[in-house]
Amino acid sequence: MRVPMALNETTLGHAVVSNRCYIPIYLWSVGEKISPQNVVQPGQKYKEIFRRDPKTGGVALKITTDKDGLYTSAPQTVFAYNLVEELVWYDLSDVFGDP
């Protein structure tokens, strides 16, 4: 029988996006709500603790090379994850082209 462990910041881990481009990238954390735009400069990282969205279940980190690209249908790379008990399911895909 599998017993779920108590989840905390240490056991959850983080979703991490590292900008290895020569230009800034723009990132939004999207679940039921959309975070403000995060600007990740070359050589910097964005990270958030894996979390479960109470309404949608999953979270999508949407990344563009265009400022405000989430709202202009710019090409996006999407790092989506879903936290189920102590397991993390994830997917990486592009939409609207390849940023």
N, C-alpha and C. Protein backbone atom coordinates (compact mmCIF):
# COMPACT_ATOMS: atom_id res chain seq x y z
N MET A 1 0.84 -1.18 0.00
CA MET A 1 0.00 0.00 0.00
C MET A 1 0.89 1.24 0.00
N ARG A 2 0.58 2.17 -0.89
CA ARG A 2 1.35 3.40 -0.99
C ARG A 2 0.73 4.45 -0.08
N VAL A 3 1.53 5.02 0.78
CA VAL A 3 1.05 6.03 1.71
C VAL A 3 1.56 7.38 1.22
N PRO A 4 0.66 8.34 0.92
CA PRO A 4 1.13 9.66 0.47
C PRO A 4 1.93 10.34 1.56
N MET A 5 3.02 10.97 1.16
CA MET A 5 3.82 11.70 2.15
C MET A 5 3.31 13.11 2.29
N ALA A 6 3.61 13.73 3.40
CA ALA A 6 3.24 15.13 3.61
C ALA A 6 4.09 15.98 2.67
N LEU A 7 3.44 16.85 1.91
CA LEU A 7 4.15 17.66 0.94
C LEU A 7 4.55 19.00 1.53
N ASN A 8 5.76 19.40 1.27
CA ASN A 8 6.23 20.72 1.65
C ASN A 8 7.20 21.20 0.58
N GLU A 9 7.77 22.37 0.76
CA GLU A 9 8.66 22.93 -0.26
C GLU A 9 9.83 22.01 -0.57
N THR A 10 10.35 21.32 0.42
CA THR A 10 11.49 20.44 0.22
C THR A 10 11.13 19.25 -0.64
N THR A 11 9.97 18.65 -0.41
CA THR A 11 9.60 17.44 -1.14
C THR A 11 9.02 17.74 -2.51
N LEU A 12 8.45 18.93 -2.70
CA LEU A 12 7.80 19.23 -3.97
C LEU A 12 8.79 19.46 -5.10
N GLY A 13 9.82 20.19 -4.86
CA GLY A 13 10.74 20.56 -5.92
C GLY A 13 10.25 21.82 -6.63
N HIS A 14 10.90 22.15 -7.72
CA HIS A 14 10.61 23.39 -8.43
C HIS A 14 10.52 23.16 -9.94
N ALA A 15 9.71 23.97 -10.58
CA ALA A 15 9.73 24.09 -12.03
C ALA A 15 10.74 25.19 -12.32
N VAL A 16 11.72 24.91 -13.18
CA VAL A 16 12.79 25.86 -13.44
C VAL A 16 12.90 26.10 -14.94
N VAL A 17 12.98 27.38 -15.33
CA VAL A 17 13.23 27.77 -16.71
C VAL A 17 14.51 28.59 -16.71
N SER A 18 15.51 28.12 -17.44
CA SER A 18 16.80 28.80 -17.53
C SER A 18 16.91 29.45 -18.91
N ASN A 19 17.15 30.76 -18.95
CA ASN A 19 17.27 31.47 -20.22
C ASN A 19 18.70 31.37 -20.72
N ARG A 20 18.89 30.55 -21.74
CA ARG A 20 20.21 30.41 -22.36
C ARG A 20 20.25 31.10 -23.72
N CYS A 21 19.27 31.98 -23.95
CA CYS A 21 19.22 32.77 -25.17
C CYS A 21 20.06 34.03 -24.99
N TYR A 22 20.27 34.76 -26.08
CA TYR A 22 20.99 36.02 -26.02
C TYR A 22 20.07 37.21 -25.85
N ILE A 23 18.78 36.93 -25.74
CA ILE A 23 17.76 37.97 -25.59
C ILE A 23 16.88 37.64 -24.39
N PRO A 24 16.18 38.63 -23.84
CA PRO A 24 15.25 38.33 -22.74
C PRO A 24 14.11 37.43 -23.23
N ILE A 25 13.58 36.64 -22.31
CA ILE A 25 12.35 35.89 -22.58
C ILE A 25 11.29 36.36 -21.60
N TYR A 26 10.04 36.14 -21.96
CA TYR A 26 8.91 36.62 -21.17
C TYR A 26 8.10 35.40 -20.77
N LEU A 27 7.73 35.32 -19.49
CA LEU A 27 7.12 34.11 -18.94
C LEU A 27 5.92 34.46 -18.07
N TRP A 28 4.87 33.65 -18.20
CA TRP A 28 3.68 33.77 -17.37
C TRP A 28 3.39 32.40 -16.77
N SER A 29 3.03 32.37 -15.50
CA SER A 29 2.56 31.15 -14.86
C SER A 29 1.04 31.18 -14.92
N VAL A 30 0.47 30.17 -15.62
CA VAL A 30 -0.96 30.19 -15.91
C VAL A 30 -1.65 28.96 -15.32
N GLY A 31 -2.65 29.23 -14.52
CA GLY A 31 -3.55 28.22 -14.00
C GLY A 31 -4.93 28.83 -14.10
N GLU A 32 -5.68 28.83 -13.01
CA GLU A 32 -6.95 29.55 -12.98
C GLU A 32 -6.69 31.04 -13.19
N LYS A 33 -5.59 31.53 -12.65
CA LYS A 33 -5.20 32.94 -12.79
C LYS A 33 -3.90 33.01 -13.58
N ILE A 34 -3.64 34.17 -14.17
CA ILE A 34 -2.42 34.41 -14.92
C ILE A 34 -1.52 35.34 -14.11
N SER A 35 -0.28 34.94 -13.93
CA SER A 35 0.66 35.78 -13.19
C SER A 35 1.00 37.02 -14.01
N PRO A 36 1.57 38.02 -13.36
CA PRO A 36 2.13 39.13 -14.14
C PRO A 36 3.26 38.60 -15.03
N GLN A 37 3.58 39.35 -16.07
CA GLN A 37 4.68 38.98 -16.96
C GLN A 37 6.00 38.99 -16.19
N ASN A 38 6.78 37.93 -16.31
CA ASN A 38 8.12 37.84 -15.74
C ASN A 38 9.13 37.99 -16.87
N VAL A 39 10.09 38.87 -16.70
CA VAL A 39 11.16 39.03 -17.68
C VAL A 39 12.37 38.26 -17.17
N VAL A 40 12.84 37.30 -17.97
CA VAL A 40 14.01 36.50 -17.59
C VAL A 40 15.14 36.89 -18.54
N GLN A 41 16.12 37.56 -18.00
CA GLN A 41 17.24 38.05 -18.79
C GLN A 41 18.18 36.89 -19.16
N PRO A 42 19.01 37.08 -20.21
CA PRO A 42 19.97 36.04 -20.58
C PRO A 42 20.81 35.62 -19.36
N GLY A 43 20.96 34.31 -19.19
CA GLY A 43 21.75 33.79 -18.07
C GLY A 43 20.99 33.68 -16.76
N GLN A 44 19.77 34.20 -16.70
CA GLN A 44 18.99 34.12 -15.46
C GLN A 44 18.02 32.95 -15.51
N LYS A 45 17.42 32.66 -14.34
CA LYS A 45 16.44 31.57 -14.21
C LYS A 45 15.16 32.09 -13.58
N TYR A 46 14.06 31.42 -13.94
CA TYR A 46 12.78 31.60 -13.26
C TYR A 46 12.50 30.27 -12.58
N LYS A 47 12.02 30.32 -11.35
CA LYS A 47 11.61 29.06 -10.72
C LYS A 47 10.41 29.30 -9.82
N GLU A 48 9.59 28.27 -9.72
CA GLU A 48 8.45 28.29 -8.80
C GLU A 48 8.30 26.90 -8.21
N ILE A 49 7.82 26.86 -6.99
CA ILE A 49 7.55 25.58 -6.33
C ILE A 49 6.42 24.89 -7.07
N PHE A 50 6.58 23.60 -7.36
CA PHE A 50 5.48 22.86 -7.96
C PHE A 50 4.24 23.03 -7.10
N ARG A 51 3.13 23.34 -7.73
CA ARG A 51 1.88 23.55 -7.00
C ARG A 51 0.73 22.97 -7.80
N ARG A 52 -0.35 22.72 -7.13
CA ARG A 52 -1.55 22.24 -7.79
C ARG A 52 -2.53 23.39 -7.82
N ASP A 53 -3.01 23.74 -9.02
CA ASP A 53 -3.99 24.80 -9.14
C ASP A 53 -5.34 24.27 -8.67
N PRO A 54 -6.01 24.96 -7.75
CA PRO A 54 -7.25 24.43 -7.17
C PRO A 54 -8.38 24.25 -8.18
N LYS A 55 -8.41 25.02 -9.25
CA LYS A 55 -9.51 24.90 -10.21
C LYS A 55 -9.15 24.06 -11.43
N THR A 56 -7.99 24.33 -12.04
CA THR A 56 -7.62 23.63 -13.27
C THR A 56 -6.79 22.39 -13.03
N GLY A 57 -6.19 22.27 -11.86
CA GLY A 57 -5.32 21.14 -11.56
C GLY A 57 -3.90 21.39 -11.99
N GLY A 58 -3.71 21.75 -13.25
CA GLY A 58 -2.37 21.93 -13.79
C GLY A 58 -1.96 23.39 -13.88
N VAL A 59 -0.68 23.58 -14.14
CA VAL A 59 -0.10 24.90 -14.31
C VAL A 59 0.71 24.88 -15.61
N ALA A 60 0.66 25.97 -16.36
CA ALA A 60 1.45 26.09 -17.59
C ALA A 60 2.36 27.30 -17.48
N LEU A 61 3.65 27.09 -17.68
CA LEU A 61 4.59 28.20 -17.77
C LEU A 61 4.70 28.51 -19.26
N LYS A 62 4.16 29.67 -19.66
CA LYS A 62 4.11 30.05 -21.07
C LYS A 62 5.22 31.05 -21.34
N ILE A 63 6.04 30.73 -22.32
CA ILE A 63 7.27 31.49 -22.58
C ILE A 63 7.24 32.01 -24.01
N THR A 64 7.54 33.31 -24.17
CA THR A 64 7.65 33.91 -25.50
C THR A 64 8.93 34.73 -25.58
N THR A 65 9.31 35.09 -26.79
CA THR A 65 10.43 36.00 -26.97
C THR A 65 9.93 37.42 -27.25
N ASP A 66 8.61 37.58 -27.27
CA ASP A 66 7.99 38.89 -27.51
C ASP A 66 7.39 39.43 -26.22
N LYS A 67 7.70 40.68 -25.90
CA LYS A 67 7.06 41.33 -24.75
C LYS A 67 5.55 41.30 -24.98
N ASP A 68 4.78 40.96 -23.95
CA ASP A 68 3.32 40.84 -24.02
C ASP A 68 2.87 39.76 -25.00
N GLY A 69 3.76 38.84 -25.35
CA GLY A 69 3.46 37.80 -26.34
C GLY A 69 2.30 36.89 -25.98
N LEU A 70 2.02 36.72 -24.70
CA LEU A 70 0.89 35.89 -24.29
C LEU A 70 -0.41 36.45 -24.84
N TYR A 71 -0.48 37.77 -24.97
CA TYR A 71 -1.72 38.44 -25.38
C TYR A 71 -1.77 38.79 -26.86
N THR A 72 -0.69 38.46 -27.60
CA THR A 72 -0.66 38.80 -29.03
C THR A 72 -0.55 37.56 -29.91
N SER A 73 -0.74 36.39 -29.33
CA SER A 73 -0.63 35.11 -30.04
C SER A 73 0.76 34.89 -30.63
N ALA A 74 1.78 35.40 -29.95
CA ALA A 74 3.16 35.16 -30.37
C ALA A 74 3.48 33.67 -30.17
N PRO A 75 4.43 33.14 -30.92
CA PRO A 75 4.85 31.76 -30.68
C PRO A 75 5.25 31.56 -29.21
N GLN A 76 4.85 30.40 -28.67
CA GLN A 76 5.09 30.12 -27.26
C GLN A 76 5.69 28.73 -27.07
N THR A 77 6.59 28.63 -26.11
CA THR A 77 6.97 27.32 -25.58
C THR A 77 6.22 27.19 -24.27
N VAL A 78 5.58 26.04 -24.08
CA VAL A 78 4.75 25.83 -22.89
C VAL A 78 5.32 24.65 -22.10
N PHE A 79 5.68 24.93 -20.86
CA PHE A 79 6.11 23.91 -19.90
C PHE A 79 4.93 23.72 -18.96
N ALA A 80 4.17 22.67 -19.17
CA ALA A 80 2.97 22.41 -18.36
C ALA A 80 3.28 21.30 -17.37
N TYR A 81 2.74 21.45 -16.16
CA TYR A 81 2.91 20.38 -15.17
C TYR A 81 1.64 20.24 -14.35
N ASN A 82 1.49 19.05 -13.78
CA ASN A 82 0.35 18.75 -12.93
C ASN A 82 0.87 17.96 -11.74
N LEU A 83 0.60 18.44 -10.56
CA LEU A 83 1.04 17.79 -9.33
C LEU A 83 -0.09 16.89 -8.84
N VAL A 84 0.19 15.58 -8.75
CA VAL A 84 -0.78 14.60 -8.27
C VAL A 84 -0.13 13.85 -7.11
N GLU A 85 -0.60 14.14 -5.90
CA GLU A 85 0.03 13.63 -4.68
C GLU A 85 1.51 13.98 -4.72
N GLU A 86 2.41 12.98 -4.68
CA GLU A 86 3.84 13.29 -4.71
C GLU A 86 4.45 13.14 -6.10
N LEU A 87 3.61 12.97 -7.12
CA LEU A 87 4.10 12.81 -8.50
C LEU A 87 3.88 14.09 -9.30
N VAL A 88 4.83 14.38 -10.19
CA VAL A 88 4.70 15.52 -11.08
C VAL A 88 4.65 14.99 -12.51
N TRP A 89 3.59 15.31 -13.24
CA TRP A 89 3.44 14.98 -14.65
C TRP A 89 3.73 16.26 -15.41
N TYR A 90 4.48 16.17 -16.50
CA TYR A 90 4.82 17.39 -17.21
C TYR A 90 4.82 17.17 -18.72
N ASP A 91 4.78 18.29 -19.45
CA ASP A 91 4.77 18.28 -20.90
C ASP A 91 5.47 19.54 -21.38
N LEU A 92 6.18 19.43 -22.47
CA LEU A 92 6.85 20.58 -23.08
C LEU A 92 6.42 20.61 -24.54
N SER A 93 5.86 21.74 -24.97
CA SER A 93 5.37 21.85 -26.34
C SER A 93 5.43 23.29 -26.83
N ASP A 94 5.31 23.46 -28.14
CA ASP A 94 5.23 24.79 -28.75
C ASP A 94 3.83 24.99 -29.31
N VAL A 95 3.34 26.23 -29.24
CA VAL A 95 2.07 26.61 -29.87
C VAL A 95 2.28 27.89 -30.66
N PHE A 96 1.51 28.05 -31.71
CA PHE A 96 1.58 29.23 -32.59
C PHE A 96 2.94 29.37 -33.26
N GLY A 97 3.68 28.28 -33.42
CA GLY A 97 4.99 28.34 -34.04
C GLY A 97 6.07 28.01 -33.03
N ASP A 98 7.30 28.28 -33.42
CA ASP A 98 8.46 27.96 -32.59
C ASP A 98 9.18 29.25 -32.22
N PRO A 99 9.07 29.65 -30.94
CA PRO A 99 9.71 30.92 -30.55
C PRO A 99 11.22 30.82 -30.60
